[in-house]
Amino acid sequence: MAQNVTYAQIVNAFQQACDAHLQIASFDSGTIDYLDASAQNRRYPFVFLRPLSSVVIDRIKTTNFELYSLDVPKVSAGNNLDVVSNTETYIYDLMAWFDFGPASRSQSWGVTMTNNAPVNEAFQDRVFGWVANINVTTPFNLDYCNYPQV
């Protein structure tokens, strides 16, 4: 029987994927207000994982996230096209890491993307990128035998 995967394990897997990526400079997770607050003094390109919901149906837990891939254009270039293009690629790179990379061989759960949309001029007109809707499906056993009690 597969062991239940915790929220912390999912976040840690995204942290590992971002740490392994040569272009992604930093990763964090939390609520949307933390995204805005933590965007100051952040190293870019920056990936942020925002939890949205979690549900268990038929021994499968699906946890939904928004995955932000953000960067600040270089002042000298003035062209946001490269920033938007690169940040989109980073999201697809992360999906490939889960589908075909180290994670695909070491875990019994999947990561899928259902939507990807541009983020333009966020955080006072200085950050561009993408936000993807991500579903993480994991085996999950609701078991009263593991219920903590006195």
N, C-alpha and C. Protein backbone atom coordinates (compact mmCIF):
# COMPACT_ATOMS: atom_id res chain seq x y z
N MET A 1 0.84 -1.17 0.00
CA MET A 1 0.00 0.00 0.00
C MET A 1 0.90 1.24 0.00
N ALA A 2 0.58 2.21 -0.84
CA ALA A 2 1.36 3.45 -0.93
C ALA A 2 1.13 4.31 0.31
N GLN A 3 2.18 5.00 0.69
CA GLN A 3 2.11 5.87 1.86
C GLN A 3 1.50 7.21 1.45
N ASN A 4 0.72 7.82 2.34
CA ASN A 4 0.13 9.12 2.06
C ASN A 4 1.23 10.16 1.85
N VAL A 5 1.02 11.03 0.86
CA VAL A 5 1.96 12.10 0.56
C VAL A 5 1.43 13.38 1.21
N THR A 6 2.28 14.04 1.96
CA THR A 6 1.86 15.25 2.68
C THR A 6 2.05 16.50 1.81
N TYR A 7 1.40 17.55 2.24
CA TYR A 7 1.55 18.85 1.58
C TYR A 7 3.02 19.27 1.60
N ALA A 8 3.69 19.09 2.73
CA ALA A 8 5.11 19.46 2.84
C ALA A 8 5.97 18.69 1.84
N GLN A 9 5.66 17.42 1.60
CA GLN A 9 6.42 16.63 0.63
C GLN A 9 6.23 17.18 -0.79
N ILE A 10 5.02 17.62 -1.10
CA ILE A 10 4.77 18.20 -2.42
C ILE A 10 5.56 19.49 -2.59
N VAL A 11 5.49 20.37 -1.60
CA VAL A 11 6.23 21.64 -1.67
C VAL A 11 7.72 21.36 -1.77
N ASN A 12 8.22 20.41 -1.00
CA ASN A 12 9.65 20.07 -1.06
C ASN A 12 10.05 19.55 -2.43
N ALA A 13 9.17 18.81 -3.09
CA ALA A 13 9.48 18.32 -4.44
C ALA A 13 9.60 19.48 -5.42
N PHE A 14 8.71 20.47 -5.31
CA PHE A 14 8.82 21.65 -6.17
C PHE A 14 10.09 22.44 -5.84
N GLN A 15 10.45 22.52 -4.57
CA GLN A 15 11.69 23.18 -4.17
C GLN A 15 12.89 22.48 -4.82
N GLN A 16 12.91 21.15 -4.78
CA GLN A 16 14.00 20.39 -5.39
C GLN A 16 14.07 20.63 -6.90
N ALA A 17 12.91 20.64 -7.55
CA ALA A 17 12.87 20.88 -8.99
C ALA A 17 13.43 22.26 -9.33
N CYS A 18 13.06 23.26 -8.55
CA CYS A 18 13.55 24.62 -8.80
C CYS A 18 15.04 24.74 -8.49
N ASP A 19 15.49 24.09 -7.43
CA ASP A 19 16.91 24.11 -7.08
C ASP A 19 17.76 23.46 -8.17
N ALA A 20 17.21 22.45 -8.83
CA ALA A 20 17.95 21.74 -9.88
C ALA A 20 17.97 22.51 -11.20
N HIS A 21 17.10 23.49 -11.36
CA HIS A 21 17.00 24.26 -12.61
C HIS A 21 18.08 25.34 -12.65
N LEU A 22 18.80 25.42 -13.73
CA LEU A 22 19.93 26.36 -13.82
C LEU A 22 19.51 27.83 -13.89
N GLN A 23 18.31 28.13 -14.39
CA GLN A 23 17.91 29.53 -14.52
C GLN A 23 17.06 30.04 -13.35
N ILE A 24 16.33 29.18 -12.67
CA ILE A 24 15.45 29.62 -11.58
C ILE A 24 16.31 29.99 -10.38
N ALA A 25 16.19 31.24 -9.93
CA ALA A 25 17.05 31.74 -8.85
C ALA A 25 16.46 31.51 -7.46
N SER A 26 15.13 31.47 -7.34
CA SER A 26 14.54 31.27 -6.02
C SER A 26 13.14 30.67 -6.12
N PHE A 27 12.72 30.04 -5.02
CA PHE A 27 11.42 29.38 -4.93
C PHE A 27 10.84 29.68 -3.56
N ASP A 28 9.52 29.80 -3.51
CA ASP A 28 8.82 29.92 -2.24
C ASP A 28 7.39 29.44 -2.44
N SER A 29 6.66 29.31 -1.33
CA SER A 29 5.26 28.89 -1.40
C SER A 29 4.48 29.56 -0.29
N GLY A 30 3.17 29.61 -0.47
CA GLY A 30 2.30 30.20 0.54
C GLY A 30 1.08 30.83 -0.10
N THR A 31 0.41 31.69 0.68
CA THR A 31 -0.81 32.35 0.22
C THR A 31 -0.48 33.53 -0.69
N ILE A 32 -1.49 34.03 -1.39
CA ILE A 32 -1.28 35.09 -2.38
C ILE A 32 -0.74 36.36 -1.73
N ASP A 33 -1.14 36.67 -0.50
CA ASP A 33 -0.60 37.88 0.14
C ASP A 33 0.89 37.71 0.44
N TYR A 34 1.33 36.49 0.68
CA TYR A 34 2.74 36.24 0.90
C TYR A 34 3.53 36.37 -0.40
N LEU A 35 2.90 36.02 -1.51
CA LEU A 35 3.55 36.19 -2.81
C LEU A 35 3.91 37.65 -3.04
N ASP A 36 2.96 38.53 -2.82
CA ASP A 36 3.20 39.95 -3.03
C ASP A 36 4.23 40.49 -2.04
N ALA A 37 4.10 40.11 -0.78
CA ALA A 37 5.02 40.60 0.24
C ALA A 37 6.42 40.06 0.05
N SER A 38 6.54 38.81 -0.39
CA SER A 38 7.86 38.21 -0.53
C SER A 38 8.52 38.58 -1.85
N ALA A 39 7.79 39.26 -2.74
CA ALA A 39 8.36 39.62 -4.03
C ALA A 39 9.43 40.70 -3.90
N GLN A 40 9.39 41.47 -2.84
CA GLN A 40 10.43 42.46 -2.60
C GLN A 40 11.69 41.74 -2.15
N ASN A 41 12.83 42.20 -2.53
CA ASN A 41 14.11 41.60 -2.15
C ASN A 41 14.21 40.13 -2.55
N ARG A 42 13.59 39.77 -3.62
CA ARG A 42 13.57 38.39 -4.11
C ARG A 42 14.56 38.26 -5.27
N ARG A 43 15.24 37.14 -5.37
CA ARG A 43 16.09 36.87 -6.52
C ARG A 43 15.23 36.32 -7.65
N TYR A 44 15.38 36.88 -8.82
CA TYR A 44 14.61 36.48 -9.99
C TYR A 44 15.52 35.82 -11.00
N PRO A 45 14.97 34.92 -11.80
CA PRO A 45 13.62 34.41 -11.92
C PRO A 45 13.18 33.66 -10.65
N PHE A 46 11.90 33.84 -10.33
CA PHE A 46 11.31 33.40 -9.08
C PHE A 46 10.11 32.51 -9.39
N VAL A 47 10.01 31.37 -8.72
CA VAL A 47 8.86 30.47 -8.85
C VAL A 47 8.16 30.42 -7.50
N PHE A 48 6.83 30.57 -7.55
CA PHE A 48 6.02 30.60 -6.32
C PHE A 48 4.88 29.60 -6.46
N LEU A 49 4.69 28.76 -5.45
CA LEU A 49 3.63 27.75 -5.44
C LEU A 49 2.56 28.16 -4.45
N ARG A 50 1.35 28.44 -4.96
CA ARG A 50 0.24 28.88 -4.11
C ARG A 50 -0.81 27.77 -4.00
N PRO A 51 -1.08 27.26 -2.78
CA PRO A 51 -2.10 26.22 -2.64
C PRO A 51 -3.50 26.79 -2.81
N LEU A 52 -4.36 26.03 -3.48
CA LEU A 52 -5.75 26.46 -3.69
C LEU A 52 -6.75 25.54 -3.02
N SER A 53 -6.59 24.22 -3.19
CA SER A 53 -7.56 23.29 -2.62
C SER A 53 -6.96 21.89 -2.56
N SER A 54 -7.64 21.04 -1.78
CA SER A 54 -7.24 19.65 -1.67
C SER A 54 -8.48 18.81 -1.40
N VAL A 55 -8.60 17.68 -2.12
CA VAL A 55 -9.75 16.81 -1.95
C VAL A 55 -9.31 15.35 -2.13
N VAL A 56 -9.94 14.46 -1.36
CA VAL A 56 -9.68 13.03 -1.49
C VAL A 56 -10.93 12.36 -2.03
N ILE A 57 -10.78 11.65 -3.16
CA ILE A 57 -11.87 10.88 -3.77
C ILE A 57 -11.29 9.54 -4.19
N ASP A 58 -11.94 8.46 -3.73
CA ASP A 58 -11.52 7.10 -4.11
C ASP A 58 -10.03 6.85 -3.89
N ARG A 59 -9.54 7.21 -2.72
CA ARG A 59 -8.14 6.98 -2.31
C ARG A 59 -7.11 7.73 -3.15
N ILE A 60 -7.56 8.79 -3.79
CA ILE A 60 -6.65 9.66 -4.54
C ILE A 60 -6.86 11.09 -4.02
N LYS A 61 -5.76 11.70 -3.60
CA LYS A 61 -5.83 13.10 -3.16
C LYS A 61 -5.36 13.98 -4.31
N THR A 62 -6.17 14.98 -4.64
CA THR A 62 -5.79 15.96 -5.65
C THR A 62 -5.63 17.30 -4.95
N THR A 63 -4.42 17.83 -5.03
CA THR A 63 -4.12 19.14 -4.46
C THR A 63 -3.90 20.10 -5.62
N ASN A 64 -4.66 21.21 -5.60
CA ASN A 64 -4.58 22.19 -6.68
C ASN A 64 -3.73 23.38 -6.24
N PHE A 65 -2.91 23.85 -7.17
CA PHE A 65 -2.02 24.97 -6.92
C PHE A 65 -2.05 25.95 -8.08
N GLU A 66 -1.63 27.17 -7.81
CA GLU A 66 -1.21 28.09 -8.85
C GLU A 66 0.31 28.12 -8.77
N LEU A 67 0.96 27.95 -9.91
CA LEU A 67 2.41 27.97 -9.98
C LEU A 67 2.82 29.22 -10.77
N TYR A 68 3.44 30.17 -10.08
CA TYR A 68 3.87 31.42 -10.69
C TYR A 68 5.33 31.30 -11.11
N SER A 69 5.63 31.72 -12.31
CA SER A 69 7.00 31.82 -12.81
C SER A 69 7.19 33.27 -13.21
N LEU A 70 8.03 34.00 -12.48
CA LEU A 70 8.11 35.45 -12.61
C LEU A 70 9.55 35.92 -12.78
N ASP A 71 9.70 37.04 -13.49
CA ASP A 71 11.02 37.63 -13.65
C ASP A 71 10.87 39.13 -13.87
N VAL A 72 11.96 39.84 -13.64
CA VAL A 72 12.02 41.29 -13.81
C VAL A 72 12.85 41.56 -15.06
N PRO A 73 12.31 42.31 -16.02
CA PRO A 73 13.10 42.60 -17.23
C PRO A 73 14.32 43.45 -16.88
N LYS A 74 15.37 43.25 -17.64
CA LYS A 74 16.56 44.07 -17.46
C LYS A 74 16.26 45.47 -17.98
N VAL A 75 16.68 46.48 -17.24
CA VAL A 75 16.37 47.87 -17.59
C VAL A 75 16.93 48.22 -18.96
N SER A 76 18.12 47.75 -19.26
CA SER A 76 18.76 48.12 -20.52
C SER A 76 18.05 47.51 -21.73
N ALA A 77 17.50 46.32 -21.57
CA ALA A 77 16.87 45.64 -22.70
C ALA A 77 15.53 46.26 -23.05
N GLY A 78 14.71 46.51 -22.04
CA GLY A 78 13.41 47.10 -22.28
C GLY A 78 12.45 46.21 -23.02
N ASN A 79 12.80 44.97 -23.29
CA ASN A 79 11.95 44.06 -24.03
C ASN A 79 11.44 42.98 -23.08
N ASN A 80 10.13 43.00 -22.85
CA ASN A 80 9.52 42.02 -21.95
C ASN A 80 9.24 40.69 -22.65
N LEU A 81 9.35 40.67 -23.96
CA LEU A 81 9.06 39.45 -24.72
C LEU A 81 9.94 38.28 -24.27
N ASP A 82 11.24 38.52 -24.10
CA ASP A 82 12.14 37.46 -23.65
C ASP A 82 11.78 36.98 -22.25
N VAL A 83 11.44 37.90 -21.36
CA VAL A 83 11.08 37.54 -19.99
C VAL A 83 9.84 36.66 -19.99
N VAL A 84 8.83 37.06 -20.73
CA VAL A 84 7.58 36.29 -20.78
C VAL A 84 7.83 34.92 -21.41
N SER A 85 8.63 34.89 -22.45
CA SER A 85 8.94 33.62 -23.11
C SER A 85 9.72 32.69 -22.18
N ASN A 86 10.74 33.22 -21.51
CA ASN A 86 11.55 32.39 -20.62
C ASN A 86 10.76 31.86 -19.44
N THR A 87 9.94 32.71 -18.83
CA THR A 87 9.20 32.27 -17.65
C THR A 87 8.16 31.20 -18.01
N GLU A 88 7.62 31.26 -19.22
CA GLU A 88 6.72 30.19 -19.66
C GLU A 88 7.50 28.89 -19.80
N THR A 89 8.68 28.97 -20.38
CA THR A 89 9.52 27.79 -20.56
C THR A 89 9.85 27.15 -19.22
N TYR A 90 10.10 27.95 -18.18
CA TYR A 90 10.44 27.41 -16.86
C TYR A 90 9.30 26.53 -16.33
N ILE A 91 8.06 26.94 -16.56
CA ILE A 91 6.93 26.12 -16.10
C ILE A 91 6.92 24.78 -16.82
N TYR A 92 7.12 24.80 -18.13
CA TYR A 92 7.16 23.54 -18.88
C TYR A 92 8.38 22.70 -18.48
N ASP A 93 9.49 23.35 -18.16
CA ASP A 93 10.65 22.61 -17.66
C ASP A 93 10.31 21.88 -16.37
N LEU A 94 9.60 22.55 -15.46
CA LEU A 94 9.22 21.91 -14.19
C LEU A 94 8.27 20.74 -14.42
N MET A 95 7.34 20.88 -15.37
CA MET A 95 6.45 19.77 -15.68
C MET A 95 7.26 18.58 -16.21
N ALA A 96 8.27 18.86 -17.03
CA ALA A 96 9.12 17.79 -17.56
C ALA A 96 9.93 17.13 -16.44
N TRP A 97 10.35 17.92 -15.45
CA TRP A 97 11.10 17.37 -14.33
C TRP A 97 10.26 16.32 -13.59
N PHE A 98 8.97 16.63 -13.41
CA PHE A 98 8.08 15.69 -12.73
C PHE A 98 7.71 14.51 -13.63
N ASP A 99 7.54 14.74 -14.93
CA ASP A 99 7.12 13.67 -15.84
C ASP A 99 8.26 12.75 -16.27
N PHE A 100 9.45 13.31 -16.49
CA PHE A 100 10.53 12.52 -17.09
C PHE A 100 11.84 12.56 -16.30
N GLY A 101 11.95 13.43 -15.33
CA GLY A 101 13.18 13.60 -14.58
C GLY A 101 13.25 12.72 -13.35
N PRO A 102 14.08 13.11 -12.39
CA PRO A 102 14.27 12.31 -11.17
C PRO A 102 12.98 12.02 -10.42
N ALA A 103 12.06 12.97 -10.40
CA ALA A 103 10.81 12.77 -9.67
C ALA A 103 9.98 11.64 -10.27
N SER A 104 10.03 11.49 -11.58
CA SER A 104 9.20 10.47 -12.23
C SER A 104 9.63 9.06 -11.83
N ARG A 105 10.88 8.90 -11.45
CA ARG A 105 11.39 7.59 -11.08
C ARG A 105 11.27 7.30 -9.59
N SER A 106 11.09 8.35 -8.79
CA SER A 106 11.16 8.14 -7.34
C SER A 106 9.84 8.35 -6.60
N GLN A 107 8.78 8.71 -7.31
CA GLN A 107 7.52 8.94 -6.61
C GLN A 107 6.36 8.29 -7.34
N SER A 108 5.31 8.00 -6.58
CA SER A 108 4.15 7.32 -7.14
C SER A 108 3.00 8.29 -7.35
N TRP A 109 3.32 9.54 -7.66
CA TRP A 109 2.28 10.54 -7.85
C TRP A 109 2.60 11.42 -9.05
N GLY A 110 1.57 12.12 -9.53
CA GLY A 110 1.72 12.88 -10.76
C GLY A 110 1.41 14.35 -10.62
N VAL A 111 1.99 15.12 -11.53
CA VAL A 111 1.78 16.57 -11.60
C VAL A 111 1.31 16.90 -13.01
N THR A 112 0.15 17.56 -13.12
CA THR A 112 -0.37 17.95 -14.42
C THR A 112 -0.72 19.43 -14.41
N MET A 113 -0.67 20.03 -15.58
CA MET A 113 -1.04 21.43 -15.73
C MET A 113 -2.34 21.50 -16.51
N THR A 114 -3.29 22.30 -16.01
CA THR A 114 -4.57 22.43 -16.70
C THR A 114 -4.73 23.75 -17.42
N ASN A 115 -3.92 24.75 -17.08
CA ASN A 115 -4.05 26.06 -17.70
C ASN A 115 -2.78 26.85 -17.43
N ASN A 116 -2.44 27.77 -18.31
CA ASN A 116 -1.27 28.62 -18.15
C ASN A 116 -1.63 29.99 -18.73
N ALA A 117 -1.46 31.06 -17.96
CA ALA A 117 -1.85 32.39 -18.41
C ALA A 117 -0.76 33.40 -18.06
N PRO A 118 -0.61 34.44 -18.90
CA PRO A 118 0.44 35.43 -18.63
C PRO A 118 0.11 36.31 -17.42
N VAL A 119 1.18 36.75 -16.75
CA VAL A 119 1.09 37.72 -15.67
C VAL A 119 1.89 38.93 -16.14
N ASN A 120 1.23 40.05 -16.34
CA ASN A 120 1.91 41.22 -16.86
C ASN A 120 1.88 42.37 -15.86
N GLU A 121 3.03 42.93 -15.64
CA GLU A 121 3.18 44.13 -14.84
C GLU A 121 2.61 43.97 -13.43
N ALA A 122 2.96 42.89 -12.80
CA ALA A 122 2.56 42.67 -11.41
C ALA A 122 3.53 43.39 -10.49
N PHE A 123 3.14 43.57 -9.25
CA PHE A 123 3.99 44.18 -8.23
C PHE A 123 4.52 45.53 -8.69
N GLN A 124 3.62 46.45 -8.97
CA GLN A 124 3.95 47.83 -9.35
C GLN A 124 4.75 47.90 -10.65
N ASP A 125 4.23 47.21 -11.67
CA ASP A 125 4.75 47.33 -13.04
C ASP A 125 6.20 46.88 -13.21
N ARG A 126 6.63 45.87 -12.46
CA ARG A 126 8.02 45.48 -12.63
C ARG A 126 8.23 43.98 -12.86
N VAL A 127 7.22 43.16 -12.68
CA VAL A 127 7.38 41.72 -12.79
C VAL A 127 6.47 41.18 -13.89
N PHE A 128 7.03 40.30 -14.72
CA PHE A 128 6.28 39.65 -15.79
C PHE A 128 6.46 38.15 -15.67
N GLY A 129 5.55 37.39 -16.26
CA GLY A 129 5.71 35.94 -16.25
C GLY A 129 4.42 35.23 -16.56
N TRP A 130 4.24 34.07 -15.90
CA TRP A 130 3.10 33.19 -16.15
C TRP A 130 2.60 32.62 -14.84
N VAL A 131 1.32 32.26 -14.83
CA VAL A 131 0.74 31.51 -13.72
C VAL A 131 0.03 30.29 -14.32
N ALA A 132 0.37 29.12 -13.81
CA ALA A 132 -0.21 27.87 -14.29
C ALA A 132 -1.06 27.24 -13.19
N ASN A 133 -2.16 26.63 -13.58
CA ASN A 133 -2.96 25.83 -12.65
C ASN A 133 -2.40 24.41 -12.68
N ILE A 134 -2.01 23.93 -11.50
CA ILE A 134 -1.34 22.65 -11.36
C ILE A 134 -2.16 21.74 -10.46
N ASN A 135 -2.31 20.48 -10.88
CA ASN A 135 -2.94 19.46 -10.05
C ASN A 135 -1.90 18.42 -9.69
N VAL A 136 -1.78 18.13 -8.40
CA VAL A 136 -0.88 17.08 -7.93
C VAL A 136 -1.76 15.96 -7.39
N THR A 137 -1.68 14.80 -8.01
CA THR A 137 -2.49 13.65 -7.58
C THR A 137 -1.58 12.64 -6.89
N THR A 138 -2.01 12.23 -5.70
CA THR A 138 -1.22 11.32 -4.88
C THR A 138 -2.13 10.23 -4.31
N PRO A 139 -1.58 9.05 -4.08
CA PRO A 139 -2.38 8.03 -3.39
C PRO A 139 -2.66 8.52 -1.97
N PHE A 140 -3.84 8.21 -1.46
CA PHE A 140 -4.18 8.65 -0.11
C PHE A 140 -5.16 7.67 0.51
N ASN A 141 -4.79 7.15 1.66
CA ASN A 141 -5.61 6.17 2.34
C ASN A 141 -6.20 6.81 3.59
N LEU A 142 -7.52 6.99 3.61
CA LEU A 142 -8.20 7.45 4.81
C LEU A 142 -8.33 6.23 5.72
N ASP A 143 -7.59 6.25 6.82
CA ASP A 143 -7.50 5.06 7.66
C ASP A 143 -7.65 5.43 9.12
N TYR A 144 -8.71 4.96 9.75
CA TYR A 144 -8.94 5.26 11.17
C TYR A 144 -7.90 4.62 12.06
N CYS A 145 -7.26 3.58 11.58
CA CYS A 145 -6.21 2.92 12.39
C CYS A 145 -5.04 3.87 12.69
N ASN A 146 -4.85 4.87 11.84
CA ASN A 146 -3.79 5.85 12.06
C ASN A 146 -4.27 7.09 12.80
N TYR A 147 -5.49 7.07 13.29
CA TYR A 147 -6.07 8.24 13.96
C TYR A 147 -5.35 8.48 15.29
N PRO A 148 -4.77 9.68 15.47
CA PRO A 148 -4.08 9.96 16.75
C PRO A 148 -5.11 10.17 17.86
N GLN A 149 -4.97 9.42 18.92
CA GLN A 149 -5.91 9.57 20.04
C GLN A 149 -5.22 9.27 21.35
N VAL A 150 -5.86 9.67 22.41
CA VAL A 150 -5.30 9.49 23.75
C VAL A 150 -5.55 8.10 24.25
